Protein backbone atom coordinates (compact mmCIF):
# COMPACT_ATOMS: atom_id res chain seq x y z
CA MET A 1 -0.41 -0.02 0.06
CA GLU A 2 2.87 2.37 1.13
CA GLY A 3 4.50 1.84 -2.59
CA ILE A 4 1.22 2.50 -4.27
CA LEU A 5 1.04 5.72 -2.18
CA THR A 6 4.40 6.73 -3.18
CA ARG A 7 4.50 6.11 -6.73
CA ALA A 8 0.94 7.97 -6.98
CA TYR A 9 2.83 10.91 -5.13
CA TYR A 10 5.68 11.02 -7.56
CA TRP A 11 3.19 10.71 -10.70
CA LEU A 12 1.04 13.59 -9.26
CA SER A 13 3.93 15.59 -8.38
CA ALA A 14 5.55 15.08 -12.09
CA GLU A 15 1.72 15.71 -13.28
CA LEU A 16 1.47 18.77 -11.35
CA THR A 17 4.80 20.17 -11.84
CA THR A 18 4.27 19.62 -15.86
CA ILE A 19 0.98 21.40 -16.00
CA LEU A 20 2.41 24.71 -13.91
CA GLY A 21 5.36 24.51 -16.08
CA PHE A 22 2.96 24.42 -19.56
CA VAL A 23 0.75 27.26 -17.36
CA LEU A 24 3.70 29.78 -16.52
CA GLY A 25 5.25 29.16 -20.14
CA VAL A 26 1.79 30.24 -21.56
CA VAL A 27 1.45 33.23 -19.36
CA PHE A 28 4.75 34.71 -19.67
CA VAL A 29 4.86 33.82 -23.60
CA ALA A 30 1.72 36.02 -23.59
CA TYR A 31 3.59 39.08 -21.80
CA ILE A 32 6.76 38.91 -23.72
CA LEU A 33 4.81 39.09 -26.79
CA ARG A 34 2.62 42.47 -25.35
CA GLN A 35 6.05 44.09 -24.78
CA LYS A 36 7.55 46.45 -27.11
CA ARG A 37 11.00 44.50 -27.54
CA SER A 38 13.12 43.84 -30.70
CA PRO A 39 11.80 41.04 -32.66
CA ALA A 40 15.28 39.44 -31.91
CA SER A 41 14.99 39.80 -27.84
CA THR A 42 11.30 38.62 -28.24
CA LEU A 43 12.71 35.54 -29.81
CA ALA A 44 15.13 35.07 -27.21
CA TRP A 45 12.85 35.23 -24.53
CA LEU A 46 10.43 32.72 -26.36
CA MET A 47 12.68 30.28 -26.42
CA VAL A 48 13.95 30.48 -23.22
CA VAL A 49 10.82 30.09 -21.77
CA VAL A 50 9.31 27.67 -23.84
CA LEU A 51 12.03 25.14 -24.08
CA THR A 52 13.24 25.55 -20.52
CA PRO A 53 10.70 27.38 -18.82
CA TYR A 54 11.62 26.07 -15.10
CA VAL A 55 14.54 27.87 -15.78
CA GLY A 56 13.76 30.66 -18.17
CA VAL A 57 10.51 32.28 -16.30
CA PRO A 58 12.72 32.54 -13.28
CA LEU A 59 15.58 34.24 -15.47
CA TYR A 60 12.55 36.61 -17.05
CA ILE A 61 11.10 37.35 -13.49
CA LEU A 62 14.93 38.57 -12.74
CA PHE A 63 16.08 39.67 -15.57
CA GLY A 64 13.10 40.41 -18.42
CA GLY A 65 11.90 43.67 -17.12
CA ARG A 66 12.22 46.61 -19.62
CA LYS A 67 10.32 50.23 -19.73
CA VAL A 68 6.74 48.34 -18.69
CA ASN A 69 8.45 47.47 -15.10
CA ARG A 70 6.53 49.17 -12.50
CA MET A 71 8.84 50.74 -10.29
CA ALA A 72 10.49 51.68 -13.35
CA ALA A 73 7.57 53.79 -14.85
CA GLY A 74 7.16 55.58 -11.14
CA LYS A 75 10.41 57.92 -12.18
CA ALA A 76 9.47 60.64 -13.85
CA PRO A 77 10.44 61.44 -17.35
CA VAL A 78 13.41 63.15 -17.80
CA TYR A 79 12.27 64.59 -21.01
CA SER A 80 9.01 66.46 -21.28
CA ALA A 81 6.56 66.01 -25.05
CA VAL A 82 7.33 68.95 -26.23
CA ALA A 83 7.02 70.16 -30.15
CA PRO A 84 10.76 70.34 -31.72
CA ARG A 85 11.95 73.85 -32.01
CA THR A 86 11.44 75.37 -35.60
CA ALA A 87 14.89 76.83 -35.91
CA PRO A 88 17.45 73.91 -34.40
CA ALA A 89 21.05 75.36 -33.34
CA LEU A 90 22.35 72.96 -35.34
CA ASP A 91 21.73 72.10 -38.89
CA SER A 92 21.85 68.42 -37.51
CA ASN A 93 19.60 65.45 -38.51
CA ALA A 94 20.49 64.33 -35.40
CA GLU A 95 19.66 67.01 -33.84
CA ARG A 96 16.10 67.49 -35.01
CA LEU A 97 15.53 63.48 -34.45
CA LEU A 98 16.26 64.02 -30.97
CA ARG A 99 14.72 67.19 -30.17
CA SER A 100 11.50 64.87 -31.58
CA TYR A 101 11.66 63.11 -28.20
CA GLY A 102 11.57 66.09 -25.88
CA VAL A 103 15.90 66.04 -25.79
CA PRO A 104 17.26 69.34 -24.85
CA GLU A 105 18.87 71.03 -28.04
CA ALA A 106 22.74 71.21 -28.36
CA SER A 107 23.63 74.07 -25.99
CA GLY A 108 27.02 76.12 -27.09
CA GLY A 109 29.43 78.41 -24.90
CA ASN A 110 30.64 75.06 -23.26
CA VAL A 111 34.44 74.21 -22.38
CA VAL A 112 35.43 70.86 -23.04
CA ASP A 113 38.02 68.75 -22.39
CA VAL A 114 38.77 65.22 -23.58
CA LEU A 115 40.75 62.85 -20.68
CA GLU A 116 41.87 60.43 -22.37
CA THR A 117 43.43 58.70 -19.33
CA GLY A 118 42.43 57.30 -16.01
CA GLU A 119 44.97 59.98 -13.97
CA GLU A 120 43.93 63.09 -15.82
CA ALA A 121 40.47 62.11 -15.24
CA PHE A 122 41.16 61.11 -11.06
CA GLY A 123 43.05 64.68 -11.30
CA ARG A 124 40.16 66.55 -13.04
CA MET A 125 37.45 64.52 -10.66
CA LEU A 126 39.34 65.94 -7.54
CA GLU A 127 39.28 69.18 -9.13
CA VAL A 128 35.93 69.93 -9.86
CA ILE A 129 35.21 68.72 -6.58
CA SER A 130 37.73 70.84 -4.85
CA ASN A 131 35.43 73.89 -6.93
CA ALA A 132 32.60 73.49 -5.69
CA ARG A 133 30.78 75.97 -3.26
CA GLU A 134 27.36 75.09 -3.12
CA THR A 135 26.36 71.20 -4.08
CA VAL A 136 28.55 68.02 -5.69
CA HIS A 137 26.55 65.68 -7.54
CA VAL A 138 28.09 62.54 -7.60
CA THR A 139 26.76 59.33 -9.41
CA THR A 140 28.35 55.89 -10.78
CA PHE A 141 27.96 52.46 -11.33
CA ILE A 142 31.19 51.63 -9.33
CA LEU A 143 32.72 53.09 -5.94
CA ALA A 144 35.31 50.95 -4.74
CA GLY A 145 36.72 51.57 -1.44
CA ASP A 146 40.49 51.38 -2.79
CA GLU A 147 42.85 54.24 -2.85
CA ALA A 148 41.19 55.81 -5.90
CA GLY A 149 37.76 55.35 -4.64
CA GLY A 150 38.90 56.17 -1.16
CA ALA A 151 39.94 59.78 -2.73
CA ILE A 152 37.14 60.47 -3.82
CA LEU A 153 35.18 59.39 -0.66
CA GLY A 154 37.58 61.69 1.08
CA ALA A 155 37.33 65.00 -1.00
CA LEU A 156 33.63 64.37 -0.71
CA THR A 157 33.70 63.88 2.88
CA ARG A 158 35.72 67.39 3.11
CA LYS A 159 33.47 69.42 1.11
CA ALA A 160 30.30 68.18 2.91
CA ALA A 161 32.29 69.32 6.13
CA GLU A 162 32.56 72.74 4.75
CA GLY A 163 28.73 72.94 4.75
CA VAL A 164 28.61 72.22 1.01
CA ARG A 165 25.59 69.94 -0.12
CA VAL A 166 26.78 66.54 -0.87
CA ARG A 167 25.15 63.60 -2.81
CA LEU A 168 26.25 60.40 -3.96
CA LEU A 169 23.96 57.90 -5.86
CA LEU A 170 25.30 54.67 -6.15
CA ASP A 171 23.76 51.21 -8.21
CA ASP A 172 22.95 48.83 -5.72
CA VAL A 173 24.21 46.23 -8.15
CA GLY A 174 27.96 47.93 -9.52
CA SER A 175 28.59 48.67 -5.90
CA TRP A 176 27.70 45.86 -3.85
CA ARG A 177 31.23 45.03 -2.73
CA LEU A 178 31.40 48.86 -0.97
CA ARG A 179 31.18 48.04 2.57
CA ARG A 180 28.36 50.58 4.10
CA ARG A 181 29.89 51.96 6.68
CA GLU A 182 32.77 53.28 4.30
CA LEU A 183 30.38 55.65 3.69
CA ALA A 184 29.91 56.59 7.20
CA PRO A 185 32.26 59.35 7.65
CA LEU A 186 30.35 61.05 4.35
CA VAL A 187 27.26 61.15 6.32
CA ALA A 188 28.39 61.86 9.66
CA ALA A 189 29.76 65.39 7.53
CA GLY A 190 26.15 65.89 6.67
CA GLY A 191 27.02 64.41 3.08
CA LYS A 192 23.82 62.02 1.65
CA ALA A 193 24.39 58.88 0.18
CA ALA A 194 21.82 56.64 -1.40
CA PHE A 195 21.57 53.42 -3.76
CA PHE A 196 19.31 52.48 -6.60
CA MET A 197 17.13 50.23 -6.58
CA PRO A 198 18.48 48.14 -3.68
CA MET A 199 18.64 44.17 -4.34
CA LEU A 200 17.48 43.14 -1.33
CA HIS A 201 13.83 44.97 -1.37
CA LEU A 202 10.41 43.31 -1.95
CA PRO A 203 8.88 43.27 -4.36
CA PHE A 204 12.28 41.63 -6.26
CA ARG A 205 11.04 41.95 -9.84
CA GLY A 206 13.06 43.83 -12.82
CA ARG A 207 15.31 45.14 -9.81
CA ALA A 208 18.60 42.94 -11.76
CA ASN A 209 17.80 44.25 -14.93
CA LEU A 210 17.33 48.29 -14.69
CA ARG A 211 20.15 49.36 -13.69
CA ASN A 212 21.98 52.88 -13.27
CA HIS A 213 25.03 52.75 -15.32
CA ARG A 214 25.70 56.53 -15.67
CA LYS A 215 28.61 58.06 -14.32
CA LEU A 216 29.03 61.87 -13.53
CA VAL A 217 30.24 64.03 -11.08
CA ILE A 218 28.97 67.33 -10.91
CA ALA A 219 29.73 70.78 -9.41
CA ASP A 220 27.19 73.66 -8.33
CA GLY A 221 25.62 72.27 -12.06
CA ARG A 222 28.39 74.41 -13.93
CA GLU A 223 31.28 72.36 -14.22
CA ALA A 224 31.25 68.56 -14.58
CA VAL A 225 33.04 64.69 -15.83
CA ALA A 226 31.08 62.33 -17.80
CA GLY A 227 31.91 59.11 -19.40
CA GLY A 228 32.43 55.86 -18.87
CA MET A 229 34.82 55.55 -15.98
CA ASN A 230 34.23 54.05 -12.52
CA LEU A 231 35.30 55.52 -9.31
CA THR A 232 37.92 52.56 -8.82
CA SER A 233 41.69 51.94 -9.17
CA ASP A 234 40.88 50.02 -12.19
CA TYR A 235 39.86 53.13 -13.87
CA ILE A 236 41.17 56.08 -12.52
CA GLY A 237 44.58 56.79 -10.03
CA PRO A 238 46.81 59.54 -9.37
CA LEU A 239 49.88 57.72 -11.19
CA PRO A 240 50.12 55.54 -14.18
CA ASP A 241 49.05 51.84 -14.13
CA PRO A 242 50.21 49.68 -16.81
CA ASP A 243 47.19 47.13 -15.61
CA ARG A 244 44.76 49.96 -15.31
CA TRP A 245 41.85 49.61 -17.97
CA ARG A 246 42.01 52.42 -21.01
CA ASP A 247 38.68 54.60 -20.86
CA LEU A 248 38.36 57.93 -21.85
CA ALA A 249 35.81 60.89 -20.40
CA VAL A 250 34.96 64.59 -21.03
CA SER A 251 35.10 67.32 -18.49
CA VAL A 252 32.48 69.93 -19.59
CA ALA A 253 31.89 73.48 -18.00
CA GLY A 254 29.08 75.32 -18.90
CA PRO A 255 25.41 74.71 -19.94
CA ALA A 256 26.02 71.18 -20.93
CA ALA A 257 27.05 70.99 -16.99
CA ALA A 258 23.44 72.45 -15.89
CA ASP A 259 21.59 69.86 -17.97
CA LEU A 260 23.94 66.63 -16.85
CA ASP A 261 22.74 68.37 -12.97
CA ALA A 262 19.26 68.13 -13.83
CA LEU A 263 19.36 64.45 -14.96
CA PHE A 264 21.07 63.29 -11.23
CA ARG A 265 18.71 65.34 -9.47
CA SER A 266 15.96 63.46 -11.25
CA ASP A 267 17.76 60.35 -10.26
CA TRP A 268 17.94 61.31 -6.60
CA LYS A 269 14.68 62.17 -6.47
CA PHE A 270 13.20 58.67 -7.32
CA VAL A 271 15.35 56.97 -5.33
CA THR A 272 15.20 59.17 -2.03
CA GLY A 273 11.77 61.28 -3.26
CA GLU A 274 13.73 64.60 -1.83
CA SER A 275 13.31 67.22 -4.69
CA VAL A 276 16.61 69.17 -4.75
CA PRO A 277 16.26 72.71 -6.77
CA ALA A 278 18.36 73.76 -9.61
CA PRO A 279 21.08 75.44 -9.33
CA ARG A 280 21.34 79.42 -8.91
CA PRO A 281 21.52 80.99 -12.58
CA SER A 282 24.04 83.53 -10.79
CA ARG A 283 26.42 80.07 -10.54
CA ALA A 284 26.21 79.77 -14.10
CA LEU A 285 29.75 79.40 -16.22
CA VAL A 286 30.59 82.79 -18.31
CA PRO A 287 30.01 81.43 -22.00
CA ALA A 288 33.46 80.83 -23.24
CA PRO A 289 34.66 82.24 -26.84
CA THR A 290 33.81 80.31 -29.81
CA PRO A 291 37.26 79.40 -31.61
CA ALA A 292 37.96 81.10 -34.76
CA GLY A 293 36.26 79.16 -37.98
CA ASN A 294 34.67 76.94 -36.04
CA ALA A 295 30.89 78.14 -35.62
CA GLU A 296 29.87 75.01 -33.79
CA GLY A 297 32.85 75.46 -30.98
CA GLY A 298 31.63 74.54 -27.36
CA ARG A 299 28.52 72.86 -28.09
CA VAL A 300 27.11 69.73 -26.44
CA GLN A 301 24.32 68.24 -25.97
CA VAL A 302 23.74 65.97 -23.23
CA VAL A 303 21.40 62.43 -24.57
CA ALA A 304 19.98 60.44 -21.55
CA SER A 305 18.59 56.81 -22.54
CA GLY A 306 16.49 54.26 -20.31
CA PRO A 307 13.35 53.61 -18.76
CA ASP A 308 12.86 57.36 -17.58
CA VAL A 309 13.18 58.05 -21.61
CA ASP A 310 10.25 58.01 -23.75
CA GLY A 311 11.76 55.91 -27.02
CA ASP A 312 15.00 54.98 -27.29
CA PRO A 313 16.69 58.11 -28.59
CA LEU A 314 20.00 57.49 -28.17
CA TYR A 315 20.17 54.58 -29.91
CA GLU A 316 18.18 55.92 -33.06
CA SER A 317 20.24 59.21 -33.14
CA ILE A 318 23.65 56.58 -33.43
CA LEU A 319 21.49 54.52 -36.12
CA SER A 320 20.62 58.09 -37.87
CA LEU A 321 23.91 58.99 -37.59
CA ILE A 322 25.53 56.02 -39.43
CA PHE A 323 23.16 56.08 -42.34
CA PHE A 324 24.16 59.73 -42.85
CA ALA A 325 27.64 59.19 -42.38
CA ARG A 326 30.01 60.71 -45.09
CA ARG A 327 33.56 59.98 -44.26
CA ARG A 328 33.49 57.54 -41.51
CA VAL A 329 32.31 55.81 -38.68
CA TRP A 330 35.14 54.57 -35.67
CA ILE A 331 33.43 52.96 -32.23
CA VAL A 332 35.37 51.99 -29.72
CA THR A 333 33.60 49.83 -27.36
CA PRO A 334 34.27 47.14 -24.51
CA TYR A 335 31.48 44.78 -25.39
CA PHE A 336 30.09 44.46 -28.88
CA VAL A 337 26.46 42.66 -29.08
CA PRO A 338 24.42 44.98 -31.09
CA ASP A 339 21.09 44.30 -32.21
CA GLU A 340 20.53 43.31 -35.97
CA MET A 341 19.60 47.12 -36.85
CA LEU A 342 22.63 48.22 -35.94
CA LEU A 343 24.80 45.64 -37.08
CA ARG A 344 22.73 46.09 -40.64
CA SER A 345 23.81 49.65 -40.19
CA LEU A 346 27.39 49.78 -40.02
CA VAL A 347 27.60 46.78 -42.51
CA LEU A 348 25.40 48.88 -45.04
CA ALA A 349 28.03 51.98 -44.42
CA THR A 350 30.87 49.63 -44.89
CA ARG A 351 29.30 48.77 -48.62
CA ARG A 352 28.60 51.98 -49.15
CA GLY A 353 32.30 53.52 -48.96
CA ILE A 354 32.76 54.93 -45.05
CA ASP A 355 35.58 54.18 -42.98
CA VAL A 356 34.13 51.81 -40.41
CA ARG A 357 36.77 50.91 -37.27
CA LEU A 358 35.81 48.71 -34.84
CA VAL A 359 37.87 48.77 -31.65
CA ILE A 360 37.41 46.20 -28.76
CA PRO A 361 39.62 44.81 -26.22
CA ARG A 362 41.25 41.21 -27.22
CA ARG A 363 39.73 39.84 -24.61
CA SER A 364 37.23 41.45 -21.92
CA ASN A 365 36.10 41.53 -18.41
CA HIS A 366 33.09 39.31 -19.42
CA PRO A 367 34.28 36.19 -21.57
CA ILE A 368 30.74 35.13 -22.58
CA THR A 369 29.94 38.54 -24.42
CA ASP A 370 33.30 38.13 -25.93
CA TYR A 371 32.13 34.61 -27.19
CA ALA A 372 28.59 36.26 -28.54
CA ARG A 373 30.59 38.97 -30.22
CA GLU A 374 32.43 36.30 -32.83
CA ALA A 375 29.64 36.06 -35.38
CA TYR A 376 29.07 40.05 -35.63
CA ILE A 377 32.29 41.07 -36.25
CA ARG A 378 32.73 38.28 -38.59
CA GLU A 379 29.89 40.25 -40.36
CA LEU A 380 31.54 43.58 -40.16
CA HIS A 381 34.88 42.08 -41.14
CA GLU A 382 33.56 40.06 -44.03
CA ALA A 383 31.69 43.35 -45.14
CA GLY A 384 35.08 45.42 -45.31
CA ALA A 385 35.33 47.26 -41.76
CA GLU A 386 38.18 47.19 -39.99
CA VAL A 387 38.04 45.32 -36.83
CA LEU A 388 40.98 45.83 -34.35
CA LEU A 389 41.70 44.00 -31.33
CA TYR A 390 42.86 46.10 -28.48
CA ARG A 391 45.64 43.81 -26.13
CA PRO A 392 47.66 45.56 -23.50
CA SER A 393 45.10 46.17 -21.16
CA MET A 394 41.29 46.12 -21.04
CA LEU A 395 39.32 48.49 -23.01
CA HIS A 396 36.42 50.26 -21.42
CA ALA A 397 35.82 53.52 -23.27
CA LYS A 398 32.05 54.00 -24.91
CA VAL A 399 33.26 56.32 -27.77
CA ILE A 400 31.70 57.06 -31.61
CA LEU A 401 33.20 59.38 -33.51
CA PHE A 402 31.34 60.59 -36.71
CA ASP A 403 32.83 61.92 -39.63
CA ASP A 404 35.18 65.31 -38.77
CA ARG A 405 32.50 67.22 -36.67
CA LEU A 406 30.78 64.98 -33.84
CA VAL A 407 31.81 62.65 -30.92
CA ALA A 408 29.65 60.71 -28.72
CA VAL A 409 30.90 59.62 -25.10
CA GLY A 410 29.16 58.18 -22.75
CA SER A 411 28.30 55.21 -20.09
CA ALA A 412 26.73 53.16 -22.97
CA ASN A 413 28.20 50.15 -24.32
CA MET A 414 27.32 48.83 -27.88
CA ASP A 415 24.78 45.92 -26.46
CA ASN A 416 21.05 45.43 -25.74
CA ARG A 417 21.77 46.08 -22.48
CA SER A 418 23.04 49.52 -22.67
CA MET A 419 20.71 50.72 -25.37
CA PHE A 420 17.62 49.22 -24.44
CA LEU A 421 17.52 48.75 -20.76
CA ASN A 422 20.26 50.49 -18.24
CA TYR A 423 19.78 54.33 -17.52
CA GLU A 424 22.63 55.93 -19.33
CA VAL A 425 23.69 59.12 -20.59
CA ALA A 426 26.13 60.31 -23.36
CA LEU A 427 27.43 63.75 -24.57
CA TYR A 428 27.27 64.54 -28.15
CA LEU A 429 30.19 67.06 -29.07
CA PHE A 430 29.75 68.79 -31.68
CA ASP A 431 33.01 70.33 -32.07
CA GLU A 432 35.44 69.80 -34.70
CA ALA A 433 38.40 70.39 -32.21
CA ARG A 434 37.32 67.99 -29.92
CA ALA A 435 36.77 65.44 -33.00
CA ALA A 436 40.36 65.84 -33.84
CA ASP A 437 41.53 64.91 -30.35
CA VAL A 438 38.92 61.78 -30.30
CA ALA A 439 40.95 61.05 -33.96
CA ARG A 440 44.18 61.05 -32.80
CA TRP A 441 43.51 59.12 -28.99
CA ILE A 442 41.67 56.34 -31.45
CA GLU A 443 44.45 56.15 -34.02
CA LEU A 444 47.24 55.56 -30.69
CA LEU A 445 44.48 52.78 -29.78
CA SER A 446 45.01 51.00 -32.81
CA ALA A 447 48.45 50.99 -32.64
CA GLY A 448 48.29 48.79 -29.89
CA CYS A 449 45.96 46.46 -31.77
CA THR A 450 45.90 43.60 -33.94
CA VAL A 451 44.05 43.04 -36.79
CA TYR A 452 41.10 40.65 -36.00
CA GLU A 453 40.87 37.42 -38.44
CA PRO A 454 38.15 34.94 -38.29
CA ARG A 455 38.87 31.08 -36.98
CA PRO A 456 38.15 29.18 -39.40
CA GLY A 457 35.44 26.22 -39.13
CA GLY A 458 32.45 25.32 -40.06
CA LEU A 459 31.28 23.90 -36.47
CA ARG A 460 32.80 26.95 -34.89
CA GLU A 461 30.14 29.51 -37.05
CA ILE A 462 27.22 27.05 -35.95
CA ALA A 463 28.28 27.53 -32.99
CA GLU A 464 28.69 31.16 -33.00
CA ASN A 465 25.39 31.42 -34.87
CA VAL A 466 23.41 29.50 -31.90
CA VAL A 467 25.17 31.80 -29.26
CA ARG A 468 23.88 34.56 -31.50
CA LEU A 469 20.54 33.76 -31.42
CA PHE A 470 20.71 34.56 -27.56
CA ALA A 471 22.54 37.63 -27.85
CA PRO A 472 19.89 39.85 -27.15
CA LEU A 473 19.59 38.46 -23.61
CA LEU A 474 22.85 39.40 -22.91
């Protein structure tokens, strides 16, 4: 009798588990189909949920949320739905597109410097913090308690002790290794610290997926440092380090810094509920003189992306700029796992004679993305693009150079996570002098690269293309 009951129990458990898996699969398939995802992303999630529901459904609950996530919807939009201005500041297709999303137009009168090393960026960050008289706003994905991170924290603590209002916003996933007690001196001095979407919180859904990847150091809403550098010794420091990751940042003083400060204040209010007033106009920097012969000198446009932005202005403006490029599109990125539209735009640009150059690390810190990128860079290579593998150290910069007049520098990688999920920000520099600086920097990078050569083998190509099916999930 006991054996019969045991067999009946296992049979019933198996049946119920199968039915439950089927029901969950149907429910989440319907939910996925309702979301505004790219076809590739939709197909990848459908395959995972249908083929392995017991694995796919939990993964989707943790990582599948996009802009429909309720928590993300609770954040006020960064841009208001305003009509494009009839006379944009620049005769630029990209700016017209961005204005249609409510992105503020490019502002002139900015003093812009390209920070090519971690030592330059570290020194400039400390200088910006030191110059602050009213507020210091810092947001970063990773803050570590090492030499560099400790120095930044120490500088913030000293400014807080002087009466400057210091606010530090950290991503809870990126900065999970930071011990909370390391923030105690800052808080004791009068500064404030907060964590973006803490993981240990209910409801849990979507918190692992929607991360704040923006990296900003802003003083008084008038000068700032932005780019891809986190606040750790892997990225920045007082002295050169051959093992330091190669990255790029931008220093900007002027109206664009106020736009970055507005973005920070939006993030801060979402996390803490505190409404921070805008900096007083009297603190604004006097506009810089425009260089002779360059009517666009110092013109910067701040472009945010993420769940707090309606649509995908960053992604779509990059597509538009690739299609309208006339001479070159040079891309530097640590991870290259684009969607099909972005890849196709680069392939078409190459085939119409545009100088397309992709610089990526020979080996990144995420081996799975290195494997996933193979099918994409192989296709680019076969189309005639130049694919270069940087060897000296990890390459973490996120830069795109369009022709000779526009540079996009920011926090977004060339992958689906940065383009469609994370909270990101980029600075569009409409400045021929800065474009020349970045072109020279990319040439220096290229000197430390080897040319990509596809690895032969039919089985390998099949495996790469199978991985490509699931690349939208990375």
